[in-house]
Amino acid sequence: MTRDAHLLPDSLVSVGWLRDHINHPGLAVVDIRGYVNTEDHGGGRQTSTYTDARSEYESAHIPGSVYIDWTRDIVDPEASVKVQIAPPLVFADRMGMLGIGDESAVVAVDHSGGHFATRLWWALRYYGHDQVAVLDGGMAAWTSAGMPIDAALVQPAPRIFTPRPRPELRSTAEDIVAQIAMGERQILDARDAGQFSGTVQRGSRGGHIPTARHLPAKAMFTDDGTWKSAEQIRVLAEEAGVTPERPVIAYCNGGVTATAVLFGLHRAGVSDGSNYDGSWNEWGERSDLPVEGNQDLWST
């Protein structure tokens, strides 16, 4: 057990907690703000591009925080599907250069404490690092509370990060195909209702993975961008037909928003959750994989 093994009180921390612990030598605050930019082409047709928010970080960030570009720093540049998790050595090198080591406690920060922060939460846990939490409300909550901001760029001392992959936290298309047949794991679609039904389409095909339940990531948050309680999320899951005691696989478009659902369910007591990293960016483009609710809006 490391000296900072119990620094984080929970997987979700408040602005007040971070304010009180921001100078702790074992704490690494990571700014992972970014965007999925959606362009509407009419008739339910959409395209999207992925961008970072590095310029925003360079203008104003939580003092002492380092920045991760979610589109480049923790992805596999050789993968045929966009924004797949980086291979172990690449991920470990990036963490180490950011001053995140095996003993570090990490707090992930995005614009509002949403799916980019939970993407880092999932990625670190996938590589065996459990000391990671999300800042509730993200940068918006921090600034709204009048907390200090800084523009100074941080160059932390490098540390050693040892990747210990947990394959059970990441699913492939082949895993999904097997689960459609066996039904041992519940498949959850974290996208918006239009994409689930097929009335909104990104990519070659619309619709959803057969047998999937719809549990949109947006439902996890209150109107002010903070997280709903564990009890509220559990009710949402049950209303969506999800049995909290059974294991789940979540997916979205790129394996990012799905991590928000996994984080919410984790807080609600679902300990066995896996992320389909390829998500619809892969499934929707493979004609050999089945879909339900498919409407080819681009051909109309």
C-alpha atoms as a PDB file:
ATOM      1  CA  MET A   1       0.000   0.000   0.000  1.00  0.00           C
ATOM      2  CA  THR A   2       1.397   3.378  -0.990  1.00  0.00           C
ATOM      3  CA  ARG A   3       1.604   6.386   1.279  1.00  0.00           C
ATOM      4  CA  ASP A   4      -1.240   8.108  -0.620  1.00  0.00           C
ATOM      5  CA  ALA A   5      -3.454   5.057  -0.939  1.00  0.00           C
ATOM      6  CA  HIS A   6      -6.291   6.718   0.982  1.00  0.00           C
ATOM      7  CA  LEU A   7      -5.848  10.333  -0.099  1.00  0.00           C
ATOM      8  CA  LEU A   8      -8.969  10.339  -2.275  1.00  0.00           C
ATOM      9  CA  PRO A   9     -12.171  10.048  -0.236  1.00  0.00           C
ATOM     10  CA  ASP A  10     -14.257   8.793  -3.161  1.00  0.00           C
ATOM     11  CA  SER A  11     -14.361   8.489  -6.947  1.00  0.00           C
ATOM     12  CA  LEU A  12     -16.084  11.897  -7.018  1.00  0.00           C
ATOM     13  CA  VAL A  13     -14.581  14.863  -5.181  1.00  0.00           C
ATOM     14  CA  SER A  14     -15.974  18.317  -4.531  1.00  0.00           C
ATOM     15  CA  VAL A  15     -14.507  21.726  -5.239  1.00  0.00           C
ATOM     16  CA  GLY A  16     -14.081  22.186  -1.489  1.00  0.00           C
ATOM     17  CA  TRP A  17     -12.125  18.964  -1.132  1.00  0.00           C
ATOM     18  CA  LEU A  18      -9.816  19.863  -4.003  1.00  0.00           C
ATOM     19  CA  ARG A  19      -9.286  23.356  -2.594  1.00  0.00           C
ATOM     20  CA  ASP A  20      -8.182  21.836   0.725  1.00  0.00           C
ATOM     21  CA  HIS A  21      -5.832  19.249  -0.837  1.00  0.00           C
ATOM     22  CA  ILE A  22      -4.550  20.972  -3.961  1.00  0.00           C
ATOM     23  CA  ASN A  23      -1.024  21.355  -2.575  1.00  0.00           C
ATOM     24  CA  HIS A  24      -0.676  17.773  -1.409  1.00  0.00           C
ATOM     25  CA  PRO A  25       2.556  16.374  -2.928  1.00  0.00           C
ATOM     26  CA  GLY A  26       0.890  13.098  -3.830  1.00  0.00           C
ATOM     27  CA  LEU A  27      -1.959  14.678  -5.791  1.00  0.00           C
ATOM     28  CA  ALA A  28      -1.951  15.224  -9.562  1.00  0.00           C
ATOM     29  CA  VAL A  29      -4.704  17.407 -11.030  1.00  0.00           C
ATOM     30  CA  VAL A  30      -5.276  16.681 -14.715  1.00  0.00           C
ATOM     31  CA  ASP A  31      -7.162  19.052 -17.005  1.00  0.00           C
ATOM     32  CA  ILE A  32      -8.708  17.022 -19.829  1.00  0.00           C
ATOM     33  CA  ARG A  33     -11.119  19.553 -21.293  1.00  0.00           C
ATOM     34  CA  GLY A  34     -12.129  18.912 -24.896  1.00  0.00           C
ATOM     35  CA  TYR A  35     -14.975  18.832 -27.400  1.00  0.00           C
ATOM     36  CA  VAL A  36     -17.003  16.665 -29.708  1.00  0.00           C
ATOM     37  CA  ASN A  37     -18.117  19.157 -32.356  1.00  0.00           C
ATOM     38  CA  THR A  38     -21.296  18.055 -34.106  1.00  0.00           C
ATOM     39  CA  GLU A  39     -22.402  19.399 -37.489  1.00  0.00           C
ATOM     40  CA  ASP A  40     -26.051  18.978 -38.442  1.00  0.00           C
ATOM     41  CA  HIS A  41     -26.651  18.333 -42.145  1.00  0.00           C
ATOM     42  CA  GLY A  42     -30.443  18.182 -41.910  1.00  0.00           C
ATOM     43  CA  GLY A  43     -32.784  15.217 -41.995  1.00  0.00           C
ATOM     44  CA  GLY A  44     -31.181  13.690 -38.922  1.00  0.00           C
ATOM     45  CA  ARG A  45     -27.769  13.434 -40.575  1.00  0.00           C
ATOM     46  CA  GLN A  46     -24.762  14.419 -38.510  1.00  0.00           C
ATOM     47  CA  THR A  47     -20.996  14.386 -38.629  1.00  0.00           C
ATOM     48  CA  SER A  48     -18.633  15.066 -35.762  1.00  0.00           C
ATOM     49  CA  THR A  49     -15.038  16.112 -35.190  1.00  0.00           C
ATOM     50  CA  TYR A  50     -12.939  15.707 -32.060  1.00  0.00           C
ATOM     51  CA  THR A  51     -10.886  18.601 -30.738  1.00  0.00           C
ATOM     52  CA  ASP A  52      -8.885  19.536 -27.658  1.00  0.00           C
ATOM     53  CA  ALA A  53      -9.184  22.634 -25.477  1.00  0.00           C
ATOM     54  CA  ARG A  54      -5.490  23.244 -24.915  1.00  0.00           C
ATOM     55  CA  SER A  55      -5.799  26.966 -25.623  1.00  0.00           C
ATOM     56  CA  GLU A  56      -8.373  27.258 -22.842  1.00  0.00           C
ATOM     57  CA  TYR A  57      -6.044  25.446 -20.464  1.00  0.00           C
ATOM     58  CA  GLU A  58      -3.168  27.749 -21.407  1.00  0.00           C
ATOM     59  CA  SER A  59      -5.361  30.781 -20.711  1.00  0.00           C
ATOM     60  CA  ALA A  60      -6.787  29.638 -17.393  1.00  0.00           C
ATOM     61  CA  HIS A  61      -6.618  26.440 -15.372  1.00  0.00           C
ATOM     62  CA  ILE A  62      -6.611  25.123 -11.820  1.00  0.00           C
ATOM     63  CA  PRO A  63      -3.241  25.993 -10.277  1.00  0.00           C
ATOM     64  CA  GLY A  64      -0.716  23.194 -10.626  1.00  0.00           C
ATOM     65  CA  SER A  65      -2.806  21.171 -13.064  1.00  0.00           C
ATOM     66  CA  VAL A  66      -1.347  19.505 -16.152  1.00  0.00           C
ATOM     67  CA  TYR A  67      -3.107  19.063 -19.484  1.00  0.00           C
ATOM     68  CA  ILE A  68      -4.054  15.962 -21.469  1.00  0.00           C
ATOM     69  CA  ASP A  69      -5.256  16.238 -25.060  1.00  0.00           C
ATOM     70  CA  TRP A  70      -7.879  13.489 -25.187  1.00  0.00           C
ATOM     71  CA  THR A  71      -7.601  13.276 -28.998  1.00  0.00           C
ATOM     72  CA  ARG A  72      -3.840  12.616 -29.048  1.00  0.00           C
ATOM     73  CA  ASP A  73      -2.152  11.994 -25.727  1.00  0.00           C
ATOM     74  CA  ILE A  74      -3.942   8.841 -24.569  1.00  0.00           C
ATOM     75  CA  VAL A  75      -4.987   7.288 -27.883  1.00  0.00           C
ATOM     76  CA  ASP A  76      -3.533   4.715 -30.245  1.00  0.00           C
ATOM     77  CA  PRO A  77      -2.381   6.527 -33.396  1.00  0.00           C
ATOM     78  CA  GLU A  78      -2.148   3.216 -35.274  1.00  0.00           C
ATOM     79  CA  ALA A  79      -5.741   2.134 -34.599  1.00  0.00           C
ATOM     80  CA  SER A  80      -8.167   2.101 -37.518  1.00  0.00           C
ATOM     81  CA  VAL A  81     -10.958   3.338 -35.221  1.00  0.00           C
ATOM     82  CA  LYS A  82     -10.731   6.866 -33.793  1.00  0.00           C
ATOM     83  CA  VAL A  83      -9.611   7.628 -30.213  1.00  0.00           C
ATOM     84  CA  GLN A  84      -8.937   4.066 -29.072  1.00  0.00           C
ATOM     85  CA  ILE A  85      -7.049   3.791 -25.796  1.00  0.00           C
ATOM     86  CA  ALA A  86      -3.268   4.070 -26.161  1.00  0.00           C
ATOM     87  CA  PRO A  87      -1.202   0.880 -25.867  1.00  0.00           C
ATOM     88  CA  PRO A  88       0.419   0.262 -22.466  1.00  0.00           C
ATOM     89  CA  LEU A  89       3.876   1.716 -23.058  1.00  0.00           C
ATOM     90  CA  VAL A  90       2.544   4.812 -24.802  1.00  0.00           C
ATOM     91  CA  PHE A  91       0.041   5.438 -22.021  1.00  0.00           C
ATOM     92  CA  ALA A  92       2.643   4.835 -19.313  1.00  0.00           C
ATOM     93  CA  ASP A  93       5.126   7.184 -20.945  1.00  0.00           C
ATOM     94  CA  ARG A  94       2.557   9.968 -21.159  1.00  0.00           C
ATOM     95  CA  MET A  95       1.464   9.539 -17.559  1.00  0.00           C
ATOM     96  CA  GLY A  96       5.042   9.512 -16.336  1.00  0.00           C
ATOM     97  CA  MET A  97       5.936  12.684 -18.243  1.00  0.00           C
ATOM     98  CA  LEU A  98       2.925  14.411 -16.667  1.00  0.00           C
ATOM     99  CA  GLY A  99       4.181  13.539 -13.209  1.00  0.00           C
ATOM    100  CA  ILE A 100       1.670  10.758 -12.628  1.00  0.00           C
ATOM    101  CA  GLY A 101       3.333   7.769 -11.011  1.00  0.00           C
ATOM    102  CA  ASP A 102       2.273   4.552  -9.368  1.00  0.00           C
ATOM    103  CA  GLU A 103       1.734   6.349  -6.046  1.00  0.00           C
ATOM    104  CA  SER A 104      -0.110   9.375  -7.436  1.00  0.00           C
ATOM    105  CA  ALA A 105      -3.688  10.224  -6.584  1.00  0.00           C
ATOM    106  CA  VAL A 106      -5.317  11.796  -9.664  1.00  0.00           C
ATOM    107  CA  VAL A 107      -8.229  14.196  -9.968  1.00  0.00           C
ATOM    108  CA  ALA A 108      -9.590  14.530 -13.519  1.00  0.00           C
ATOM    109  CA  VAL A 109     -11.117  17.856 -14.561  1.00  0.00           C
ATOM    110  CA  ASP A 110     -13.070  18.749 -17.690  1.00  0.00           C
ATOM    111  CA  HIS A 111     -15.504  21.546 -18.461  1.00  0.00           C
ATOM    112  CA  SER A 112     -18.263  20.246 -16.216  1.00  0.00           C
ATOM    113  CA  GLY A 113     -17.069  17.015 -14.637  1.00  0.00           C
ATOM    114  CA  GLY A 114     -18.451  14.928 -17.476  1.00  0.00           C
ATOM    115  CA  HIS A 115     -17.363  12.282 -19.944  1.00  0.00           C
ATOM    116  CA  PHE A 116     -13.839  13.508 -20.719  1.00  0.00           C
ATOM    117  CA  ALA A 117     -12.967  13.333 -17.027  1.00  0.00           C
ATOM    118  CA  THR A 118     -14.577   9.901 -16.782  1.00  0.00           C
ATOM    119  CA  ARG A 119     -12.640   8.789 -19.865  1.00  0.00           C
ATOM    120  CA  LEU A 120      -9.426   9.404 -17.898  1.00  0.00           C
ATOM    121  CA  TRP A 121     -10.980   7.747 -14.833  1.00  0.00           C
ATOM    122  CA  TRP A 122     -11.695   4.659 -16.940  1.00  0.00           C
ATOM    123  CA  ALA A 123      -8.328   4.714 -18.739  1.00  0.00           C
ATOM    124  CA  LEU A 124      -6.333   4.853 -15.518  1.00  0.00           C
ATOM    125  CA  ARG A 125      -8.388   2.058 -13.972  1.00  0.00           C
ATOM    126  CA  TYR A 126      -8.010   0.016 -17.158  1.00  0.00           C
ATOM    127  CA  TYR A 127      -4.269   0.256 -16.645  1.00  0.00           C
ATOM    128  CA  GLY A 128      -4.517  -0.764 -13.018  1.00  0.00           C
ATOM    129  CA  HIS A 129      -4.456   2.638 -11.323  1.00  0.00           C
ATOM    130  CA  ASP A 130      -7.405   2.970  -8.943  1.00  0.00           C
ATOM    131  CA  GLN A 131      -6.423   6.205  -7.201  1.00  0.00           C
ATOM    132  CA  VAL A 132      -8.391   8.468  -9.540  1.00  0.00           C
ATOM    133  CA  ALA A 133     -11.420  10.690  -9.014  1.00  0.00           C
ATOM    134  CA  VAL A 134     -13.525  13.139 -11.011  1.00  0.00           C
ATOM    135  CA  LEU A 135     -14.045  16.754  -9.932  1.00  0.00           C
ATOM    136  CA  ASP A 136     -17.803  17.187  -9.502  1.00  0.00           C
ATOM    137  CA  GLY A 137     -18.936  20.021 -11.764  1.00  0.00           C
ATOM    138  CA  GLY A 138     -15.493  20.341 -13.336  1.00  0.00           C
ATOM    139  CA  MET A 139     -13.900  23.646 -14.257  1.00  0.00           C
ATOM    140  CA  ALA A 140     -17.296  25.349 -14.332  1.00  0.00           C
ATOM    141  CA  ALA A 141     -17.917  24.541 -10.669  1.00  0.00           C
ATOM    142  CA  TRP A 142     -14.371  25.567  -9.731  1.00  0.00           C
ATOM    143  CA  THR A 143     -14.669  29.007 -11.310  1.00  0.00           C
ATOM    144  CA  SER A 144     -18.260  29.524 -10.132  1.00  0.00           C
ATOM    145  CA  ALA A 145     -17.073  28.975  -6.560  1.00  0.00           C
ATOM    146  CA  GLY A 146     -14.509  31.750  -6.985  1.00  0.00           C
ATOM    147  CA  MET A 147     -11.535  29.414  -6.716  1.00  0.00           C
ATOM    148  CA  PRO A 148      -8.131  30.610  -8.002  1.00  0.00           C
ATOM    149  CA  ILE A 149      -7.078  30.068 -11.596  1.00  0.00           C
ATOM    150  CA  ASP A 150      -3.657  30.264 -13.178  1.00  0.00           C
ATOM    151  CA  ALA A 151      -2.072  30.593 -16.610  1.00  0.00           C
ATOM    152  CA  ALA A 152       1.382  29.292 -15.643  1.00  0.00           C
ATOM    153  CA  LEU A 153       2.339  26.139 -17.528  1.00  0.00           C
ATOM    154  CA  VAL A 154       3.380  23.279 -15.285  1.00  0.00           C
ATOM    155  CA  GLN A 155       6.404  21.053 -15.862  1.00  0.00           C
ATOM    156  CA  PRO A 156       6.201  18.314 -13.229  1.00  0.00           C
ATOM    157  CA  ALA A 157       9.067  16.010 -12.374  1.00  0.00           C
ATOM    158  CA  PRO A 158       8.712  12.756 -14.348  1.00  0.00           C
ATOM    159  CA  ARG A 159       7.540   9.697 -12.444  1.00  0.00           C
ATOM    160  CA  ILE A 160       7.272   5.998 -13.147  1.00  0.00           C
ATOM    161  CA  PHE A 161       3.841   4.723 -14.137  1.00  0.00           C
ATOM    162  CA  THR A 162       3.525   0.951 -14.409  1.00  0.00           C
ATOM    163  CA  PRO A 163       0.654  -0.162 -16.672  1.00  0.00           C
ATOM    164  CA  ARG A 164      -1.198  -3.252 -15.489  1.00  0.00           C
ATOM    165  CA  PRO A 165      -3.966  -3.817 -18.045  1.00  0.00           C
ATOM    166  CA  ARG A 166      -7.312  -5.176 -16.892  1.00  0.00           C
ATOM    167  CA  PRO A 167      -8.827  -6.764 -20.009  1.00  0.00           C
ATOM    168  CA  GLU A 168     -12.181  -7.173 -18.283  1.00  0.00           C
ATOM    169  CA  LEU A 169     -12.689  -3.387 -18.330  1.00  0.00           C
ATOM    170  CA  ARG A 170     -12.465  -3.108 -22.122  1.00  0.00           C
ATOM    171  CA  SER A 171     -14.672  -4.920 -24.632  1.00  0.00           C
ATOM    172  CA  THR A 172     -14.270  -5.585 -28.356  1.00  0.00           C
ATOM    173  CA  ALA A 173     -16.821  -6.001 -31.133  1.00  0.00           C
ATOM    174  CA  GLU A 174     -16.351  -9.741 -30.874  1.00  0.00           C
ATOM    175  CA  ASP A 175     -17.157  -9.592 -27.160  1.00  0.00           C
ATOM    176  CA  ILE A 176     -20.377  -7.750 -28.002  1.00  0.00           C
ATOM    177  CA  VAL A 177     -21.364 -10.356 -30.602  1.00  0.00           C
ATOM    178  CA  ALA A 178     -20.847 -13.080 -28.007  1.00  0.00           C
ATOM    179  CA  GLN A 179     -22.935 -11.200 -25.434  1.00  0.00           C
ATOM    180  CA  ILE A 180     -25.820 -10.722 -27.886  1.00  0.00           C
ATOM    181  CA  ALA A 181     -25.967 -14.496 -28.127  1.00  0.00           C
ATOM    182  CA  MET A 182     -25.306 -15.338 -24.460  1.00  0.00           C
ATOM    183  CA  GLY A 183     -26.876 -12.397 -22.661  1.00  0.00           C
ATOM    184  CA  GLU A 184     -24.559 -12.668 -19.667  1.00  0.00           C
ATOM    185  CA  ARG A 185     -23.763  -8.934 -19.749  1.00  0.00           C
ATOM    186  CA  GLN A 186     -26.237  -6.125 -20.245  1.00  0.00           C
ATOM    187  CA  ILE A 187     -25.396  -3.918 -23.225  1.00  0.00           C
ATOM    188  CA  LEU A 188     -26.028  -0.211 -22.617  1.00  0.00           C
ATOM    189  CA  ASP A 189     -26.225   2.541 -25.225  1.00  0.00           C
ATOM    190  CA  ALA A 190     -25.082   5.870 -23.737  1.00  0.00           C
ATOM    191  CA  ARG A 191     -25.934   8.041 -26.768  1.00  0.00           C
ATOM    192  CA  ASP A 192     -28.839  10.415 -27.239  1.00  0.00           C
ATOM    193  CA  ALA A 193     -32.327   9.066 -27.958  1.00  0.00           C
ATOM    194  CA  GLY A 194     -32.222  10.005 -31.647  1.00  0.00           C
ATOM    195  CA  GLN A 195     -29.054   8.063 -32.271  1.00  0.00           C
ATOM    196  CA  PHE A 196     -30.374   5.067 -30.367  1.00  0.00           C
ATOM    197  CA  SER A 197     -33.591   4.989 -32.395  1.00  0.00           C
ATOM    198  CA  GLY A 198     -31.867   5.660 -35.713  1.00  0.00           C
ATOM    199  CA  THR A 199     -33.658   8.938 -36.425  1.00  0.00           C
ATOM    200  CA  VAL A 200     -30.270  10.644 -36.053  1.00  0.00           C
ATOM    201  CA  GLN A 201     -27.322   9.117 -37.848  1.00  0.00           C
ATOM    202  CA  ARG A 202     -23.576   9.566 -37.691  1.00  0.00           C
ATOM    203  CA  GLY A 203     -21.527   7.477 -40.069  1.00  0.00           C
ATOM    204  CA  SER A 204     -22.637   4.783 -42.490  1.00  0.00           C
ATOM    205  CA  ARG A 205     -25.479   3.311 -40.443  1.00  0.00           C
ATOM    206  CA  GLY A 206     -27.927   4.441 -37.792  1.00  0.00           C
ATOM    207  CA  GLY A 207     -29.636   2.503 -35.053  1.00  0.00           C
ATOM    208  CA  HIS A 208     -28.237   0.558 -32.129  1.00  0.00           C
ATOM    209  CA  ILE A 209     -26.636  -2.735 -31.181  1.00  0.00           C
ATOM    210  CA  PRO A 210     -29.231  -5.527 -30.847  1.00  0.00           C
ATOM    211  CA  THR A 211     -30.429  -6.197 -27.255  1.00  0.00           C
ATOM    212  CA  ALA A 212     -28.995  -2.855 -26.048  1.00  0.00           C
ATOM    213  CA  ARG A 213     -30.800  -0.886 -23.373  1.00  0.00           C
ATOM    214  CA  HIS A 214     -30.842   2.898 -23.628  1.00  0.00           C
ATOM    215  CA  LEU A 215     -29.245   4.724 -20.691  1.00  0.00           C
ATOM    216  CA  PRO A 216     -28.089   8.137 -21.964  1.00  0.00           C
ATOM    217  CA  ALA A 217     -25.066   9.676 -20.307  1.00  0.00           C
ATOM    218  CA  LYS A 218     -26.809  13.051 -20.114  1.00  0.00           C
ATOM    219  CA  ALA A 219     -29.298  11.593 -17.656  1.00  0.00           C
ATOM    220  CA  MET A 220     -26.499  11.197 -15.096  1.00  0.00           C
ATOM    221  CA  PHE A 221     -26.231  14.940 -14.441  1.00  0.00           C
ATOM    222  CA  THR A 222     -28.267  17.609 -12.708  1.00  0.00           C
ATOM    223  CA  ASP A 223     -29.164  20.886 -14.400  1.00  0.00           C
ATOM    224  CA  ASP A 224     -26.045  22.590 -13.004  1.00  0.00           C
ATOM    225  CA  GLY A 225     -23.727  19.946 -14.461  1.00  0.00           C
ATOM    226  CA  THR A 226     -22.955  18.129 -11.223  1.00  0.00           C
ATOM    227  CA  TRP A 227     -23.537  14.415 -10.791  1.00  0.00           C
ATOM    228  CA  LYS A 228     -26.818  12.989  -9.603  1.00  0.00           C
ATOM    229  CA  SER A 229     -26.671  10.922  -6.449  1.00  0.00           C
ATOM    230  CA  ALA A 230     -25.899   7.218  -6.505  1.00  0.00           C
ATOM    231  CA  GLU A 231     -29.505   6.522  -5.497  1.00  0.00           C
ATOM    232  CA  GLN A 232     -30.894   8.641  -8.354  1.00  0.00           C
ATOM    233  CA  ILE A 233     -28.638   6.919 -10.887  1.00  0.00           C
ATOM    234  CA  ARG A 234     -29.678   3.518  -9.629  1.00  0.00           C
ATOM    235  CA  VAL A 235     -33.332   4.464 -10.175  1.00  0.00           C
ATOM    236  CA  LEU A 236     -32.519   5.712 -13.697  1.00  0.00           C
ATOM    237  CA  ALA A 237     -30.813   2.418 -14.484  1.00  0.00           C
ATOM    238  CA  GLU A 238     -33.716   0.358 -13.214  1.00  0.00           C
ATOM    239  CA  GLU A 239     -36.190   2.492 -15.200  1.00  0.00           C
ATOM    240  CA  ALA A 240     -34.109   1.756 -18.318  1.00  0.00           C
ATOM    241  CA  GLY A 241     -34.440  -1.966 -17.667  1.00  0.00           C
ATOM    242  CA  VAL A 242     -30.955  -2.368 -16.250  1.00  0.00           C
ATOM    243  CA  THR A 243     -30.411  -4.770 -13.361  1.00  0.00           C
ATOM    244  CA  PRO A 244     -27.700  -3.168 -11.186  1.00  0.00           C
ATOM    245  CA  GLU A 245     -26.559  -6.531  -9.838  1.00  0.00           C
ATOM    246  CA  ARG A 246     -25.641  -7.799 -13.313  1.00  0.00           C
ATOM    247  CA  PRO A 247     -22.468  -6.888 -15.265  1.00  0.00           C
ATOM    248  CA  VAL A 248     -22.684  -4.362 -18.090  1.00  0.00           C
ATOM    249  CA  ILE A 249     -20.954  -3.253 -21.267  1.00  0.00           C
ATOM    250  CA  ALA A 250     -21.498   0.379 -22.243  1.00  0.00           C
ATOM    251  CA  TYR A 251     -20.939   1.981 -25.629  1.00  0.00           C
ATOM    252  CA  CYS A 252     -21.476   5.342 -27.327  1.00  0.00           C
ATOM    253  CA  ASN A 253     -19.931   6.774 -30.500  1.00  0.00           C
ATOM    254  CA  GLY A 254     -16.269   6.686 -29.536  1.00  0.00           C
ATOM    255  CA  GLY A 255     -15.960   4.943 -26.181  1.00  0.00           C
ATOM    256  CA  VAL A 256     -15.846   8.251 -24.291  1.00  0.00           C
ATOM    257  CA  THR A 257     -19.412   9.158 -23.322  1.00  0.00           C
ATOM    258  CA  ALA A 258     -19.915   5.511 -22.365  1.00  0.00           C
ATOM    259  CA  THR A 259     -17.437   5.996 -19.539  1.00  0.00           C
ATOM    260  CA  ALA A 260     -19.816   8.512 -17.940  1.00  0.00           C
ATOM    261  CA  VAL A 261     -22.467   5.784 -17.728  1.00  0.00           C
ATOM    262  CA  LEU A 262     -19.910   3.372 -16.326  1.00  0.00           C
ATOM    263  CA  PHE A 263     -18.807   5.961 -13.767  1.00  0.00           C
ATOM    264  CA  GLY A 264     -22.375   6.661 -12.714  1.00  0.00           C
ATOM    265  CA  LEU A 265     -23.162   2.959 -12.384  1.00  0.00           C
ATOM    266  CA  HIS A 266     -19.908   2.441 -10.482  1.00  0.00           C
ATOM    267  CA  ARG A 267     -21.100   5.021  -7.972  1.00  0.00           C
ATOM    268  CA  ALA A 268     -24.470   3.274  -7.850  1.00  0.00           C
ATOM    269  CA  GLY A 269     -22.838  -0.014  -6.909  1.00  0.00           C
ATOM    270  CA  VAL A 270     -22.290  -1.720 -10.284  1.00  0.00           C
ATOM    271  CA  SER A 271     -18.726  -2.953  -9.882  1.00  0.00           C
ATOM    272  CA  ASP A 272     -18.525  -5.072 -13.045  1.00  0.00           C
ATOM    273  CA  GLY A 273     -18.624  -2.640 -15.978  1.00  0.00           C
ATOM    274  CA  SER A 274     -16.774  -2.731 -19.293  1.00  0.00           C
ATOM    275  CA  ASN A 275     -16.322  -0.119 -22.027  1.00  0.00           C
ATOM    276  CA  TYR A 276     -16.742  -1.057 -25.685  1.00  0.00           C
ATOM    277  CA  ASP A 277     -13.923   1.205 -26.812  1.00  0.00           C
ATOM    278  CA  GLY A 278     -14.686   0.959 -30.532  1.00  0.00           C
ATOM    279  CA  SER A 279     -18.361   1.788 -29.962  1.00  0.00           C
ATOM    280  CA  TRP A 280     -20.456   3.067 -32.895  1.00  0.00           C
ATOM    281  CA  ASN A 281     -17.376   4.430 -34.677  1.00  0.00           C
ATOM    282  CA  GLU A 282     -16.522   0.781 -35.274  1.00  0.00           C
ATOM    283  CA  TRP A 283     -19.857  -1.056 -35.060  1.00  0.00           C
ATOM    284  CA  GLY A 284     -21.724   1.309 -37.353  1.00  0.00           C
ATOM    285  CA  GLU A 285     -19.086   1.029 -40.069  1.00  0.00           C
ATOM    286  CA  ARG A 286     -18.882  -2.765 -40.134  1.00  0.00           C
ATOM    287  CA  SER A 287     -21.534  -4.240 -42.396  1.00  0.00           C
ATOM    288  CA  ASP A 288     -20.894  -7.693 -40.901  1.00  0.00           C
ATOM    289  CA  LEU A 289     -22.292  -6.561 -37.540  1.00  0.00           C
ATOM    290  CA  PRO A 290     -26.070  -6.435 -36.906  1.00  0.00           C
ATOM    291  CA  VAL A 291     -28.040  -3.319 -35.990  1.00  0.00           C
ATOM    292  CA  GLU A 292     -31.585  -2.595 -34.867  1.00  0.00           C
ATOM    293  CA  GLY A 293     -33.597   0.482 -35.806  1.00  0.00           C
ATOM    294  CA  ASN A 294     -31.350   1.100 -38.792  1.00  0.00           C
ATOM    295  CA  GLN A 295     -32.305   3.996 -41.053  1.00  0.00           C
ATOM    296  CA  ASP A 296     -29.863   4.950 -43.801  1.00  0.00           C
ATOM    297  CA  LEU A 297     -30.562   8.672 -43.699  1.00  0.00           C
ATOM    298  CA  TRP A 298     -27.601   9.533 -45.894  1.00  0.00           C
ATOM    299  CA  SER A 299     -29.120   7.705 -48.882  1.00  0.00           C
ATOM    300  CA  THR A 300     -32.400   9.622 -48.754  1.00  0.00           C
END
